[in-house]
Amino acid sequence: MSYEYQDKSLPNRFKQCRIEANIDIKTMSDLLGVQRRSIRKYESSQTIPSAPNLVKMHQAYNVSLDFLMHIDDYRNHIEYINKALGIDDELLKLISSVNNLNHIKRINNFIKIHYKEYKL
C-alpha cells in the first residue's frame, strides 16, 4: 500500500540510497512486495511507501529513516552523535554495540550527568 503525496515536491532519497546500496529496482520491489512501477513512483515522489515498507527500505539501504526521508543529512545516528558530542568513532561503535537496555540507560545517565549542555 502507498499514499499519494499532496505536495509533489516532497524530497526523498529513495533512488540515491537504492543506487548507493547497489540494489536494483526488481530486487527492491521483491523485498517490499510491490510492483516495480511502485518503486519508480516512490523515487519520483509521486507516492509515499507505507510505514512498514519505509522501515524495510531504511534497513536495506542501511541509513536512518530521517536521512531516507530527507529530514536531515545524517546517514545514521552514529554520524549524528559523533557530530553533536564530538565522540570518536571507536567509542561510538562500542556504545552502539551495547544491546542490553540496562546498560544503555546507564550510559544515557552518565552522558546526562557529564554533558549537561547536551540534550539527548
PDB file of N, CA and C in Angstrom:
ATOM      1  N   MET A   1       0.839  -1.171   0.000  1.00  0.00           N
ATOM      2  CA  MET A   1       0.000   0.000   0.000  1.00  0.00           C
ATOM      3  C   MET A   1       0.888   1.241   0.000  1.00  0.00           C
ATOM      4  N   SER A   2       0.485   2.268  -0.724  1.00  0.00           N
ATOM      5  CA  SER A   2       1.209   3.531  -0.747  1.00  0.00           C
ATOM      6  C   SER A   2       0.204   4.666  -0.745  1.00  0.00           C
ATOM      7  N   TYR A   3       0.684   5.844  -0.497  1.00  0.00           N
ATOM      8  CA  TYR A   3      -0.186   7.006  -0.385  1.00  0.00           C
ATOM      9  C   TYR A   3       0.272   8.093  -1.338  1.00  0.00           C
ATOM     10  N   GLU A   4      -0.701   8.768  -1.963  1.00  0.00           N
ATOM     11  CA  GLU A   4      -0.384   9.869  -2.870  1.00  0.00           C
ATOM     12  C   GLU A   4       0.131  11.050  -2.053  1.00  0.00           C
ATOM     13  N   TYR A   5       1.199  11.668  -2.520  1.00  0.00           N
ATOM     14  CA  TYR A   5       1.691  12.889  -1.898  1.00  0.00           C
ATOM     15  C   TYR A   5       0.756  14.041  -2.239  1.00  0.00           C
ATOM     16  N   GLN A   6       0.458  14.861  -1.283  1.00  0.00           N
ATOM     17  CA  GLN A   6      -0.274  16.095  -1.564  1.00  0.00           C
ATOM     18  C   GLN A   6       0.683  17.093  -2.220  1.00  0.00           C
ATOM     19  N   ASP A   7       1.904  17.127  -1.725  1.00  0.00           N
ATOM     20  CA  ASP A   7       2.922  18.033  -2.248  1.00  0.00           C
ATOM     21  C   ASP A   7       3.890  17.219  -3.090  1.00  0.00           C
ATOM     22  N   LYS A   8       3.799  17.340  -4.391  1.00  0.00           N
ATOM     23  CA  LYS A   8       4.618  16.522  -5.295  1.00  0.00           C
ATOM     24  C   LYS A   8       6.104  16.865  -5.210  1.00  0.00           C
ATOM     25  N   SER A   9       6.439  17.981  -4.560  1.00  0.00           N
ATOM     26  CA  SER A   9       7.844  18.366  -4.470  1.00  0.00           C
ATOM     27  C   SER A   9       8.523  17.818  -3.212  1.00  0.00           C
ATOM     28  N   LEU A  10       7.799  17.029  -2.417  1.00  0.00           N
ATOM     29  CA  LEU A  10       8.377  16.493  -1.189  1.00  0.00           C
ATOM     30  C   LEU A  10       9.615  15.668  -1.518  1.00  0.00           C
ATOM     31  N   PRO A  11      10.773  16.083  -1.019  1.00  0.00           N
ATOM     32  CA  PRO A  11      12.006  15.382  -1.392  1.00  0.00           C
ATOM     33  C   PRO A  11      12.178  14.069  -0.638  1.00  0.00           C
ATOM     34  N   ASN A  12      12.902  13.167  -1.240  1.00  0.00           N
ATOM     35  CA  ASN A  12      13.304  11.936  -0.573  1.00  0.00           C
ATOM     36  C   ASN A  12      14.613  11.475  -1.207  1.00  0.00           C
ATOM     37  N   ARG A  13      15.225  10.497  -0.577  1.00  0.00           N
ATOM     38  CA  ARG A  13      16.486   9.964  -1.089  1.00  0.00           C
ATOM     39  C   ARG A  13      16.341   8.496  -1.478  1.00  0.00           C
ATOM     40  N   PHE A  14      15.162   8.087  -1.856  1.00  0.00           N
ATOM     41  CA  PHE A  14      14.923   6.676  -2.151  1.00  0.00           C
ATOM     42  C   PHE A  14      15.835   6.169  -3.258  1.00  0.00           C
ATOM     43  N   LYS A  15      15.866   6.860  -4.370  1.00  0.00           N
ATOM     44  CA  LYS A  15      16.661   6.400  -5.509  1.00  0.00           C
ATOM     45  C   LYS A  15      18.154   6.466  -5.196  1.00  0.00           C
ATOM     46  N   GLN A  16      18.593   7.581  -4.635  1.00  0.00           N
ATOM     47  CA  GLN A  16      20.001   7.742  -4.277  1.00  0.00           C
ATOM     48  C   GLN A  16      20.462   6.608  -3.362  1.00  0.00           C
ATOM     49  N   CYS A  17      19.682   6.307  -2.338  1.00  0.00           N
ATOM     50  CA  CYS A  17      20.060   5.265  -1.380  1.00  0.00           C
ATOM     51  C   CYS A  17      20.029   3.881  -2.019  1.00  0.00           C
ATOM     52  N   ARG A  18      19.042   3.640  -2.880  1.00  0.00           N
ATOM     53  CA  ARG A  18      18.955   2.335  -3.545  1.00  0.00           C
ATOM     54  C   ARG A  18      20.178   2.113  -4.425  1.00  0.00           C
ATOM     55  N   ILE A  19      20.557   3.132  -5.185  1.00  0.00           N
ATOM     56  CA  ILE A  19      21.713   3.009  -6.078  1.00  0.00           C
ATOM     57  C   ILE A  19      22.994   2.839  -5.266  1.00  0.00           C
ATOM     58  N   GLU A  20      23.164   3.645  -4.203  1.00  0.00           N
ATOM     59  CA  GLU A  20      24.363   3.537  -3.366  1.00  0.00           C
ATOM     60  C   GLU A  20      24.447   2.181  -2.667  1.00  0.00           C
ATOM     61  N   ALA A  21      23.298   1.575  -2.382  1.00  0.00           N
ATOM     62  CA  ALA A  21      23.276   0.248  -1.754  1.00  0.00           C
ATOM     63  C   ALA A  21      23.429  -0.867  -2.787  1.00  0.00           C
ATOM     64  N   ASN A  22      23.518  -0.475  -4.067  1.00  0.00           N
ATOM     65  CA  ASN A  22      23.697  -1.435  -5.158  1.00  0.00           C
ATOM     66  C   ASN A  22      22.532  -2.434  -5.231  1.00  0.00           C
ATOM     67  N   ILE A  23      21.314  -1.896  -5.103  1.00  0.00           N
ATOM     68  CA  ILE A  23      20.102  -2.717  -5.167  1.00  0.00           C
ATOM     69  C   ILE A  23      19.311  -2.284  -6.394  1.00  0.00           C
ATOM     70  N   ASP A  24      18.961  -3.241  -7.246  1.00  0.00           N
ATOM     71  CA  ASP A  24      18.191  -2.868  -8.438  1.00  0.00           C
ATOM     72  C   ASP A  24      16.697  -2.789  -8.110  1.00  0.00           C
ATOM     73  N   ILE A  25      15.943  -2.213  -9.028  1.00  0.00           N
ATOM     74  CA  ILE A  25      14.510  -1.994  -8.810  1.00  0.00           C
ATOM     75  C   ILE A  25      13.767  -3.308  -8.593  1.00  0.00           C
ATOM     76  N   LYS A  26      14.107  -4.340  -9.348  1.00  0.00           N
ATOM     77  CA  LYS A  26      13.421  -5.626  -9.202  1.00  0.00           C
ATOM     78  C   LYS A  26      13.646  -6.210  -7.808  1.00  0.00           C
ATOM     79  N   THR A  27      14.888  -6.187  -7.342  1.00  0.00           N
ATOM     80  CA  THR A  27      15.195  -6.711  -6.010  1.00  0.00           C
ATOM     81  C   THR A  27      14.424  -5.943  -4.941  1.00  0.00           C
ATOM     82  N   MET A  28      14.381  -4.612  -5.080  1.00  0.00           N
ATOM     83  CA  MET A  28      13.668  -3.794  -4.100  1.00  0.00           C
ATOM     84  C   MET A  28      12.172  -4.063  -4.144  1.00  0.00           C
ATOM     85  N   SER A  29      11.627  -4.217  -5.337  1.00  0.00           N
ATOM     86  CA  SER A  29      10.185  -4.490  -5.440  1.00  0.00           C
ATOM     87  C   SER A  29       9.851  -5.853  -4.834  1.00  0.00           C
ATOM     88  N   ASP A  30      10.733  -6.838  -5.029  1.00  0.00           N
ATOM     89  CA  ASP A  30      10.525  -8.154  -4.412  1.00  0.00           C
ATOM     90  C   ASP A  30      10.585  -8.058  -2.887  1.00  0.00           C
ATOM     91  N   LEU A  31      11.542  -7.296  -2.380  1.00  0.00           N
ATOM     92  CA  LEU A  31      11.700  -7.141  -0.936  1.00  0.00           C
ATOM     93  C   LEU A  31      10.468  -6.486  -0.307  1.00  0.00           C
ATOM     94  N   LEU A  32       9.923  -5.487  -0.997  1.00  0.00           N
ATOM     95  CA  LEU A  32       8.771  -4.764  -0.461  1.00  0.00           C
ATOM     96  C   LEU A  32       7.437  -5.415  -0.811  1.00  0.00           C
ATOM     97  N   GLY A  33       7.463  -6.335  -1.767  1.00  0.00           N
ATOM     98  CA  GLY A  33       6.223  -6.976  -2.194  1.00  0.00           C
ATOM     99  C   GLY A  33       5.333  -6.045  -3.001  1.00  0.00           C
ATOM    100  N   VAL A  34       5.969  -5.185  -3.792  1.00  0.00           N
ATOM    101  CA  VAL A  34       5.226  -4.242  -4.644  1.00  0.00           C
ATOM    102  C   VAL A  34       5.727  -4.379  -6.077  1.00  0.00           C
ATOM    103  N   GLN A  35       5.011  -3.768  -7.007  1.00  0.00           N
ATOM    104  CA  GLN A  35       5.435  -3.799  -8.405  1.00  0.00           C
ATOM    105  C   GLN A  35       6.588  -2.815  -8.627  1.00  0.00           C
ATOM    106  N   ARG A  36       7.373  -3.068  -9.666  1.00  0.00           N
ATOM    107  CA  ARG A  36       8.487  -2.173  -9.994  1.00  0.00           C
ATOM    108  C   ARG A  36       8.005  -0.743 -10.229  1.00  0.00           C
ATOM    109  N   ARG A  37       6.835  -0.630 -10.798  1.00  0.00           N
ATOM    110  CA  ARG A  37       6.250   0.689 -11.053  1.00  0.00           C
ATOM    111  C   ARG A  37       6.109   1.471  -9.745  1.00  0.00           C
ATOM    112  N   SER A  38       5.781   0.778  -8.659  1.00  0.00           N
ATOM    113  CA  SER A  38       5.641   1.442  -7.357  1.00  0.00           C
ATOM    114  C   SER A  38       6.970   2.017  -6.889  1.00  0.00           C
ATOM    115  N   ILE A  39       8.049   1.269  -7.102  1.00  0.00           N
ATOM    116  CA  ILE A  39       9.377   1.762  -6.721  1.00  0.00           C
ATOM    117  C   ILE A  39       9.682   3.045  -7.483  1.00  0.00           C
ATOM    118  N   ARG A  40       9.390   3.057  -8.771  1.00  0.00           N
ATOM    119  CA  ARG A  40       9.630   4.263  -9.582  1.00  0.00           C
ATOM    120  C   ARG A  40       8.801   5.439  -9.070  1.00  0.00           C
ATOM    121  N   LYS A  41       7.565   5.163  -8.665  1.00  0.00           N
ATOM    122  CA  LYS A  41       6.706   6.229  -8.135  1.00  0.00           C
ATOM    123  C   LYS A  41       7.240   6.752  -6.799  1.00  0.00           C
ATOM    124  N   TYR A  42       7.739   5.847  -5.956  1.00  0.00           N
ATOM    125  CA  TYR A  42       8.344   6.288  -4.696  1.00  0.00           C
ATOM    126  C   TYR A  42       9.520   7.218  -4.991  1.00  0.00           C
ATOM    127  N   GLU A  43      10.370   6.783  -5.912  1.00  0.00           N
ATOM    128  CA  GLU A  43      11.602   7.518  -6.197  1.00  0.00           C
ATOM    129  C   GLU A  43      11.355   8.855  -6.896  1.00  0.00           C
ATOM    130  N   SER A  44      10.228   8.998  -7.552  1.00  0.00           N
ATOM    131  CA  SER A  44       9.906  10.265  -8.226  1.00  0.00           C
ATOM    132  C   SER A  44       8.926  11.109  -7.405  1.00  0.00           C
ATOM    133  N   SER A  45       8.739  10.747  -6.140  1.00  0.00           N
ATOM    134  CA  SER A  45       7.875  11.485  -5.204  1.00  0.00           C
ATOM    135  C   SER A  45       6.419  11.551  -5.637  1.00  0.00           C
ATOM    136  N   GLN A  46       5.973  10.546  -6.382  1.00  0.00           N
ATOM    137  CA  GLN A  46       4.558  10.503  -6.766  1.00  0.00           C
ATOM    138  C   GLN A  46       3.712   9.863  -5.671  1.00  0.00           C
ATOM    139  N   THR A  47       4.294   8.894  -4.974  1.00  0.00           N
ATOM    140  CA  THR A  47       3.603   8.245  -3.854  1.00  0.00           C
ATOM    141  C   THR A  47       4.602   8.017  -2.732  1.00  0.00           C
ATOM    142  N   ILE A  48       4.075   7.797  -1.545  1.00  0.00           N
ATOM    143  CA  ILE A  48       4.929   7.502  -0.396  1.00  0.00           C
ATOM    144  C   ILE A  48       4.666   6.056   0.029  1.00  0.00           C
ATOM    145  N   PRO A  49       5.710   5.312   0.337  1.00  0.00           N
ATOM    146  CA  PRO A  49       5.520   3.923   0.774  1.00  0.00           C
ATOM    147  C   PRO A  49       4.811   3.861   2.129  1.00  0.00           C
ATOM    148  N   SER A  50       4.235   2.720   2.408  1.00  0.00           N
ATOM    149  CA  SER A  50       3.625   2.500   3.725  1.00  0.00           C
ATOM    150  C   SER A  50       4.728   2.515   4.784  1.00  0.00           C
ATOM    151  N   ALA A  51       4.352   2.700   6.033  1.00  0.00           N
ATOM    152  CA  ALA A  51       5.324   2.722   7.127  1.00  0.00           C
ATOM    153  C   ALA A  51       6.154   1.434   7.187  1.00  0.00           C
ATOM    154  N   PRO A  52       5.533   0.243   7.089  1.00  0.00           N
ATOM    155  CA  PRO A  52       6.352  -0.976   7.109  1.00  0.00           C
ATOM    156  C   PRO A  52       7.360  -1.027   5.950  1.00  0.00           C
ATOM    157  N   ASN A  53       6.967  -0.529   4.779  1.00  0.00           N
ATOM    158  CA  ASN A  53       7.897  -0.534   3.647  1.00  0.00           C
ATOM    159  C   ASN A  53       9.002   0.501   3.819  1.00  0.00           C
ATOM    160  N   LEU A  54       8.703   1.631   4.455  1.00  0.00           N
ATOM    161  CA  LEU A  54       9.759   2.603   4.752  1.00  0.00           C
ATOM    162  C   LEU A  54      10.808   1.978   5.668  1.00  0.00           C
ATOM    163  N   VAL A  55      10.342   1.220   6.652  1.00  0.00           N
ATOM    164  CA  VAL A  55      11.270   0.548   7.570  1.00  0.00           C
ATOM    165  C   VAL A  55      12.128  -0.453   6.805  1.00  0.00           C
ATOM    166  N   LYS A  56      11.525  -1.242   5.928  1.00  0.00           N
ATOM    167  CA  LYS A  56      12.290  -2.206   5.127  1.00  0.00           C
ATOM    168  C   LYS A  56      13.309  -1.494   4.244  1.00  0.00           C
ATOM    169  N   MET A  57      12.917  -0.354   3.702  1.00  0.00           N
ATOM    170  CA  MET A  57      13.822   0.394   2.824  1.00  0.00           C
ATOM    171  C   MET A  57      15.024   0.916   3.609  1.00  0.00           C
ATOM    172  N   HIS A  58      14.779   1.523   4.751  1.00  0.00           N
ATOM    173  CA  HIS A  58      15.912   2.080   5.502  1.00  0.00           C
ATOM    174  C   HIS A  58      16.838   0.970   5.991  1.00  0.00           C
ATOM    175  N   GLN A  59      16.288  -0.193   6.306  1.00  0.00           N
ATOM    176  CA  GLN A  59      17.135  -1.317   6.710  1.00  0.00           C
ATOM    177  C   GLN A  59      17.948  -1.838   5.527  1.00  0.00           C
ATOM    178  N   ALA A  60      17.327  -1.958   4.373  1.00  0.00           N
ATOM    179  CA  ALA A  60      18.031  -2.460   3.184  1.00  0.00           C
ATOM    180  C   ALA A  60      19.125  -1.493   2.745  1.00  0.00           C
ATOM    181  N   TYR A  61      18.860  -0.205   2.872  1.00  0.00           N
ATOM    182  CA  TYR A  61      19.823   0.806   2.429  1.00  0.00           C
ATOM    183  C   TYR A  61      20.834   1.157   3.512  1.00  0.00           C
ATOM    184  N   ASN A  62      20.602   0.684   4.734  1.00  0.00           N
ATOM    185  CA  ASN A  62      21.494   0.932   5.863  1.00  0.00           C
ATOM    186  C   ASN A  62      21.668   2.426   6.141  1.00  0.00           C
ATOM    187  N   VAL A  63      20.544   3.140   6.162  1.00  0.00           N
ATOM    188  CA  VAL A  63      20.535   4.564   6.508  1.00  0.00           C
ATOM    189  C   VAL A  63      19.381   4.809   7.480  1.00  0.00           C
ATOM    190  N   SER A  64      19.408   5.940   8.165  1.00  0.00           N
ATOM    191  CA  SER A  64      18.303   6.270   9.071  1.00  0.00           C
ATOM    192  C   SER A  64      17.075   6.685   8.269  1.00  0.00           C
ATOM    193  N   LEU A  65      15.918   6.548   8.884  1.00  0.00           N
ATOM    194  CA  LEU A  65      14.685   7.000   8.230  1.00  0.00           C
ATOM    195  C   LEU A  65      14.727   8.503   7.979  1.00  0.00           C
ATOM    196  N   ASP A  66      15.307   9.258   8.902  1.00  0.00           N
ATOM    197  CA  ASP A  66      15.404  10.707   8.712  1.00  0.00           C
ATOM    198  C   ASP A  66      16.217  11.046   7.470  1.00  0.00           C
ATOM    199  N   PHE A  67      17.310  10.333   7.258  1.00  0.00           N
ATOM    200  CA  PHE A  67      18.124  10.568   6.062  1.00  0.00           C
ATOM    201  C   PHE A  67      17.345  10.164   4.816  1.00  0.00           C
ATOM    202  N   LEU A  68      16.712   9.009   4.870  1.00  0.00           N
ATOM    203  CA  LEU A  68      15.961   8.498   3.725  1.00  0.00           C
ATOM    204  C   LEU A  68      14.853   9.466   3.306  1.00  0.00           C
ATOM    205  N   MET A  69      14.177  10.050   4.287  1.00  0.00           N
ATOM    206  CA  MET A  69      13.066  10.962   4.016  1.00  0.00           C
ATOM    207  C   MET A  69      13.519  12.412   3.847  1.00  0.00           C
ATOM    208  N   HIS A  70      14.827  12.624   3.820  1.00  0.00           N
ATOM    209  CA  HIS A  70      15.408  13.955   3.593  1.00  0.00           C
ATOM    210  C   HIS A  70      15.074  14.919   4.732  1.00  0.00           C
ATOM    211  N   ILE A  71      14.930  14.395   5.947  1.00  0.00           N
ATOM    212  CA  ILE A  71      14.649  15.228   7.116  1.00  0.00           C
ATOM    213  C   ILE A  71      15.941  15.828   7.650  1.00  0.00           C
ATOM    214  N   ASP A  72      17.015  15.037   7.616  1.00  0.00           N
ATOM    215  CA  ASP A  72      18.326  15.572   7.980  1.00  0.00           C
ATOM    216  C   ASP A  72      19.388  14.947   7.083  1.00  0.00           C
ATOM    217  N   ASP A  73      20.626  15.372   7.281  1.00  0.00           N
ATOM    218  CA  ASP A  73      21.706  14.924   6.403  1.00  0.00           C
ATOM    219  C   ASP A  73      22.609  13.875   7.041  1.00  0.00           C
ATOM    220  N   TYR A  74      22.189  13.298   8.156  1.00  0.00           N
ATOM    221  CA  TYR A  74      22.985  12.267   8.823  1.00  0.00           C
ATOM    222  C   TYR A  74      22.536  10.893   8.342  1.00  0.00           C
ATOM    223  N   ARG A  75      23.454  10.151   7.738  1.00  0.00           N
ATOM    224  CA  ARG A  75      23.124   8.830   7.206  1.00  0.00           C
ATOM    225  C   ARG A  75      22.663   7.875   8.302  1.00  0.00           C
ATOM    226  N   ASN A  76      23.215   8.042   9.484  1.00  0.00           N
ATOM    227  CA  ASN A  76      22.844   7.169  10.594  1.00  0.00           C
ATOM    228  C   ASN A  76      23.003   7.927  11.906  1.00  0.00           C
ATOM    229  N   HIS A  77      22.572   7.329  12.978  1.00  0.00           N
ATOM    230  CA  HIS A  77      22.588   8.010  14.268  1.00  0.00           C
ATOM    231  C   HIS A  77      23.999   8.138  14.824  1.00  0.00           C
ATOM    232  N   ILE A  78      24.866   7.225  14.479  1.00  0.00           N
ATOM    233  CA  ILE A  78      26.254   7.321  14.931  1.00  0.00           C
ATOM    234  C   ILE A  78      26.891   8.588  14.371  1.00  0.00           C
ATOM    235  N   GLU A  79      26.634   8.872  13.130  1.00  0.00           N
ATOM    236  CA  GLU A  79      27.167  10.081  12.494  1.00  0.00           C
ATOM    237  C   GLU A  79      26.662  11.338  13.219  1.00  0.00           C
ATOM    238  N   TYR A  80      25.388  11.346  13.584  1.00  0.00           N
ATOM    239  CA  TYR A  80      24.813  12.488  14.298  1.00  0.00           C
ATOM    240  C   TYR A  80      25.444  12.644  15.683  1.00  0.00           C
ATOM    241  N   ILE A  81      25.519  11.557  16.433  1.00  0.00           N
ATOM    242  CA  ILE A  81      26.077  11.610  17.785  1.00  0.00           C
ATOM    243  C   ILE A  81      27.525  12.068  17.737  1.00  0.00           C
ATOM    244  N   ASN A  82      28.262  11.574  16.766  1.00  0.00           N
ATOM    245  CA  ASN A  82      29.658  11.966  16.615  1.00  0.00           C
ATOM    246  C   ASN A  82      29.771  13.474  16.453  1.00  0.00           C
ATOM    247  N   LYS A  83      28.945  14.043  15.608  1.00  0.00           N
ATOM    248  CA  LYS A  83      28.999  15.489  15.384  1.00  0.00           C
ATOM    249  C   LYS A  83      28.510  16.253  16.613  1.00  0.00           C
ATOM    250  N   ALA A  84      27.420  15.811  17.222  1.00  0.00           N
ATOM    251  CA  ALA A  84      26.832  16.531  18.350  1.00  0.00           C
ATOM    252  C   ALA A  84      27.711  16.499  19.599  1.00  0.00           C
ATOM    253  N   LEU A  85      28.304  15.347  19.885  1.00  0.00           N
ATOM    254  CA  LEU A  85      29.082  15.196  21.113  1.00  0.00           C
ATOM    255  C   LEU A  85      30.588  15.221  20.900  1.00  0.00           C
ATOM    256  N   GLY A  86      31.017  15.097  19.667  1.00  0.00           N
ATOM    257  CA  GLY A  86      32.449  15.081  19.400  1.00  0.00           C
ATOM    258  C   GLY A  86      33.131  13.819  19.902  1.00  0.00           C
ATOM    259  N   ILE A  87      32.389  12.719  19.944  1.00  0.00           N
ATOM    260  CA  ILE A  87      32.944  11.440  20.394  1.00  0.00           C
ATOM    261  C   ILE A  87      33.581  10.744  19.201  1.00  0.00           C
ATOM    262  N   ASP A  88      34.728  10.107  19.424  1.00  0.00           N
ATOM    263  CA  ASP A  88      35.400   9.458  18.297  1.00  0.00           C
ATOM    264  C   ASP A  88      34.669   8.192  17.854  1.00  0.00           C
ATOM    265  N   ASP A  89      34.970   7.760  16.638  1.00  0.00           N
ATOM    266  CA  ASP A  89      34.268   6.632  16.017  1.00  0.00           C
ATOM    267  C   ASP A  89      34.385   5.337  16.816  1.00  0.00           C
ATOM    268  N   GLU A  90      35.544   5.094  17.407  1.00  0.00           N
ATOM    269  CA  GLU A  90      35.751   3.845  18.148  1.00  0.00           C
ATOM    270  C   GLU A  90      34.811   3.761  19.353  1.00  0.00           C
ATOM    271  N   LEU A  91      34.688   4.866  20.090  1.00  0.00           N
ATOM    272  CA  LEU A  91      33.791   4.883  21.242  1.00  0.00           C
ATOM    273  C   LEU A  91      32.336   4.758  20.800  1.00  0.00           C
ATOM    274  N   LEU A  92      31.981   5.409  19.702  1.00  0.00           N
ATOM    275  CA  LEU A  92      30.614   5.309  19.187  1.00  0.00           C
ATOM    276  C   LEU A  92      30.266   3.884  18.789  1.00  0.00           C
ATOM    277  N   LYS A  93      31.201   3.186  18.157  1.00  0.00           N
ATOM    278  CA  LYS A  93      30.954   1.793  17.772  1.00  0.00           C
ATOM    279  C   LYS A  93      30.743   0.929  19.006  1.00  0.00           C
ATOM    280  N   LEU A  94      31.538   1.181  20.038  1.00  0.00           N
ATOM    281  CA  LEU A  94      31.391   0.439  21.285  1.00  0.00           C
ATOM    282  C   LEU A  94      30.018   0.697  21.903  1.00  0.00           C
ATOM    283  N   ILE A  95      29.630   1.962  21.968  1.00  0.00           N
ATOM    284  CA  ILE A  95      28.331   2.319  22.538  1.00  0.00           C
ATOM    285  C   ILE A  95      27.196   1.712  21.720  1.00  0.00           C
ATOM    286  N   SER A  96      27.307   1.780  20.397  1.00  0.00           N
ATOM    287  CA  SER A  96      26.223   1.266  19.554  1.00  0.00           C
ATOM    288  C   SER A  96      26.130  -0.254  19.589  1.00  0.00           C
ATOM    289  N   SER A  97      27.188  -0.929  20.007  1.00  0.00           N
ATOM    290  CA  SER A  97      27.147  -2.389  20.077  1.00  0.00           C
ATOM    291  C   SER A  97      26.446  -2.884  21.343  1.00  0.00           C
ATOM    292  N   VAL A  98      26.228  -1.979  22.285  1.00  0.00           N
ATOM    293  CA  VAL A  98      25.557  -2.355  23.528  1.00  0.00           C
ATOM    294  C   VAL A  98      24.075  -2.572  23.234  1.00  0.00           C
ATOM    295  N   ASN A  99      23.578  -3.753  23.514  1.00  0.00           N
ATOM    296  CA  ASN A  99      22.170  -4.031  23.237  1.00  0.00           C
ATOM    297  C   ASN A  99      21.376  -4.382  24.491  1.00  0.00           C
ATOM    298  N   ASN A 100      22.009  -4.287  25.652  1.00  0.00           N
ATOM    299  CA  ASN A 100      21.325  -4.521  26.913  1.00  0.00           C
ATOM    300  C   ASN A 100      20.696  -3.204  27.360  1.00  0.00           C
ATOM    301  N   LEU A 101      19.376  -3.174  27.525  1.00  0.00           N
ATOM    302  CA  LEU A 101      18.657  -1.947  27.854  1.00  0.00           C
ATOM    303  C   LEU A 101      19.179  -1.307  29.135  1.00  0.00           C
ATOM    304  N   ASN A 102      19.523  -2.106  30.131  1.00  0.00           N
ATOM    305  CA  ASN A 102      20.065  -1.570  31.383  1.00  0.00           C
ATOM    306  C   ASN A 102      21.365  -0.820  31.145  1.00  0.00           C
ATOM    307  N   HIS A 103      22.229  -1.386  30.316  1.00  0.00           N
ATOM    308  CA  HIS A 103      23.498  -0.723  30.007  1.00  0.00           C
ATOM    309  C   HIS A 103      23.257   0.581  29.256  1.00  0.00           C
ATOM    310  N   ILE A 104      22.313   0.567  28.348  1.00  0.00           N
ATOM    311  CA  ILE A 104      22.002   1.772  27.579  1.00  0.00           C
ATOM    312  C   ILE A 104      21.502   2.874  28.513  1.00  0.00           C
ATOM    313  N   LYS A 105      20.640   2.526  29.463  1.00  0.00           N
ATOM    314  CA  LYS A 105      20.139   3.517  30.420  1.00  0.00           C
ATOM    315  C   LYS A 105      21.282   4.086  31.253  1.00  0.00           C
ATOM    316  N   ARG A 106      22.212   3.232  31.661  1.00  0.00           N
ATOM    317  CA  ARG A 106      23.348   3.702  32.456  1.00  0.00           C
ATOM    318  C   ARG A 106      24.235   4.637  31.642  1.00  0.00           C
ATOM    319  N   ILE A 107      24.445   4.317  30.375  1.00  0.00           N
ATOM    320  CA  ILE A 107      25.244   5.182  29.505  1.00  0.00           C
ATOM    321  C   ILE A 107      24.548   6.532  29.339  1.00  0.00           C
ATOM    322  N   ASN A 108      23.235   6.514  29.104  1.00  0.00           N
ATOM    323  CA  ASN A 108      22.481   7.765  28.959  1.00  0.00           C
ATOM    324  C   ASN A 108      22.562   8.612  30.225  1.00  0.00           C
ATOM    325  N   ASN A 109      22.438   7.980  31.390  1.00  0.00           N
ATOM    326  CA  ASN A 109      22.548   8.719  32.652  1.00  0.00           C
ATOM    327  C   ASN A 109      23.928   9.329  32.809  1.00  0.00           C
ATOM    328  N   PHE A 110      24.955   8.587  32.452  1.00  0.00           N
ATOM    329  CA  PHE A 110      26.326   9.098  32.518  1.00  0.00           C
ATOM    330  C   PHE A 110      26.475  10.333  31.637  1.00  0.00           C
ATOM    331  N   ILE A 111      25.960  10.240  30.423  1.00  0.00           N
ATOM    332  CA  ILE A 111      26.061  11.372  29.491  1.00  0.00           C
ATOM    333  C   ILE A 111      25.299  12.575  30.035  1.00  0.00           C
ATOM    334  N   LYS A 112      24.104  12.363  30.573  1.00  0.00           N
ATOM    335  CA  LYS A 112      23.316  13.476  31.117  1.00  0.00           C
ATOM    336  C   LYS A 112      24.037  14.161  32.271  1.00  0.00           C
ATOM    337  N   ILE A 113      24.691  13.382  33.114  1.00  0.00           N
ATOM    338  CA  ILE A 113      25.402  13.949  34.261  1.00  0.00           C
ATOM    339  C   ILE A 113      26.632  14.728  33.806  1.00  0.00           C
ATOM    340  N   HIS A 114      27.403  14.157  32.882  1.00  0.00           N
ATOM    341  CA  HIS A 114      28.673  14.766  32.497  1.00  0.00           C
ATOM    342  C   HIS A 114      28.586  15.754  31.348  1.00  0.00           C
ATOM    343  N   TYR A 115      27.523  15.696  30.610  1.00  0.00           N
ATOM    344  CA  TYR A 115      27.364  16.590  29.459  1.00  0.00           C
ATOM    345  C   TYR A 115      26.011  17.282  29.545  1.00  0.00           C
ATOM    346  N   LYS A 116      25.806  18.041  30.614  1.00  0.00           N
ATOM    347  CA  LYS A 116      24.501  18.663  30.857  1.00  0.00           C
ATOM    348  C   LYS A 116      24.074  19.609  29.748  1.00  0.00           C
ATOM    349  N   GLU A 117      25.035  20.180  29.048  1.00  0.00           N
ATOM    350  CA  GLU A 117      24.674  21.124  27.990  1.00  0.00           C
ATOM    351  C   GLU A 117      24.076  20.436  26.772  1.00  0.00           C
ATOM    352  N   TYR A 118      24.215  19.113  26.667  1.00  0.00           N
ATOM    353  CA  TYR A 118      23.656  18.375  25.534  1.00  0.00           C
ATOM    354  C   TYR A 118      22.314  17.781  25.910  1.00  0.00           C
ATOM    355  N   LYS A 119      21.368  17.884  25.022  1.00  0.00           N
ATOM    356  CA  LYS A 119      20.048  17.281  25.231  1.00  0.00           C
ATOM    357  C   LYS A 119      19.944  16.078  24.315  1.00  0.00           C
ATOM    358  N   LEU A 120      19.692  14.903  24.872  1.00  0.00           N
ATOM    359  CA  LEU A 120      19.556  13.690  24.057  1.00  0.00           C
ATOM    360  C   LEU A 120      18.116  13.298  23.957  1.00  0.00           C
TER     361      LEU A 120
END
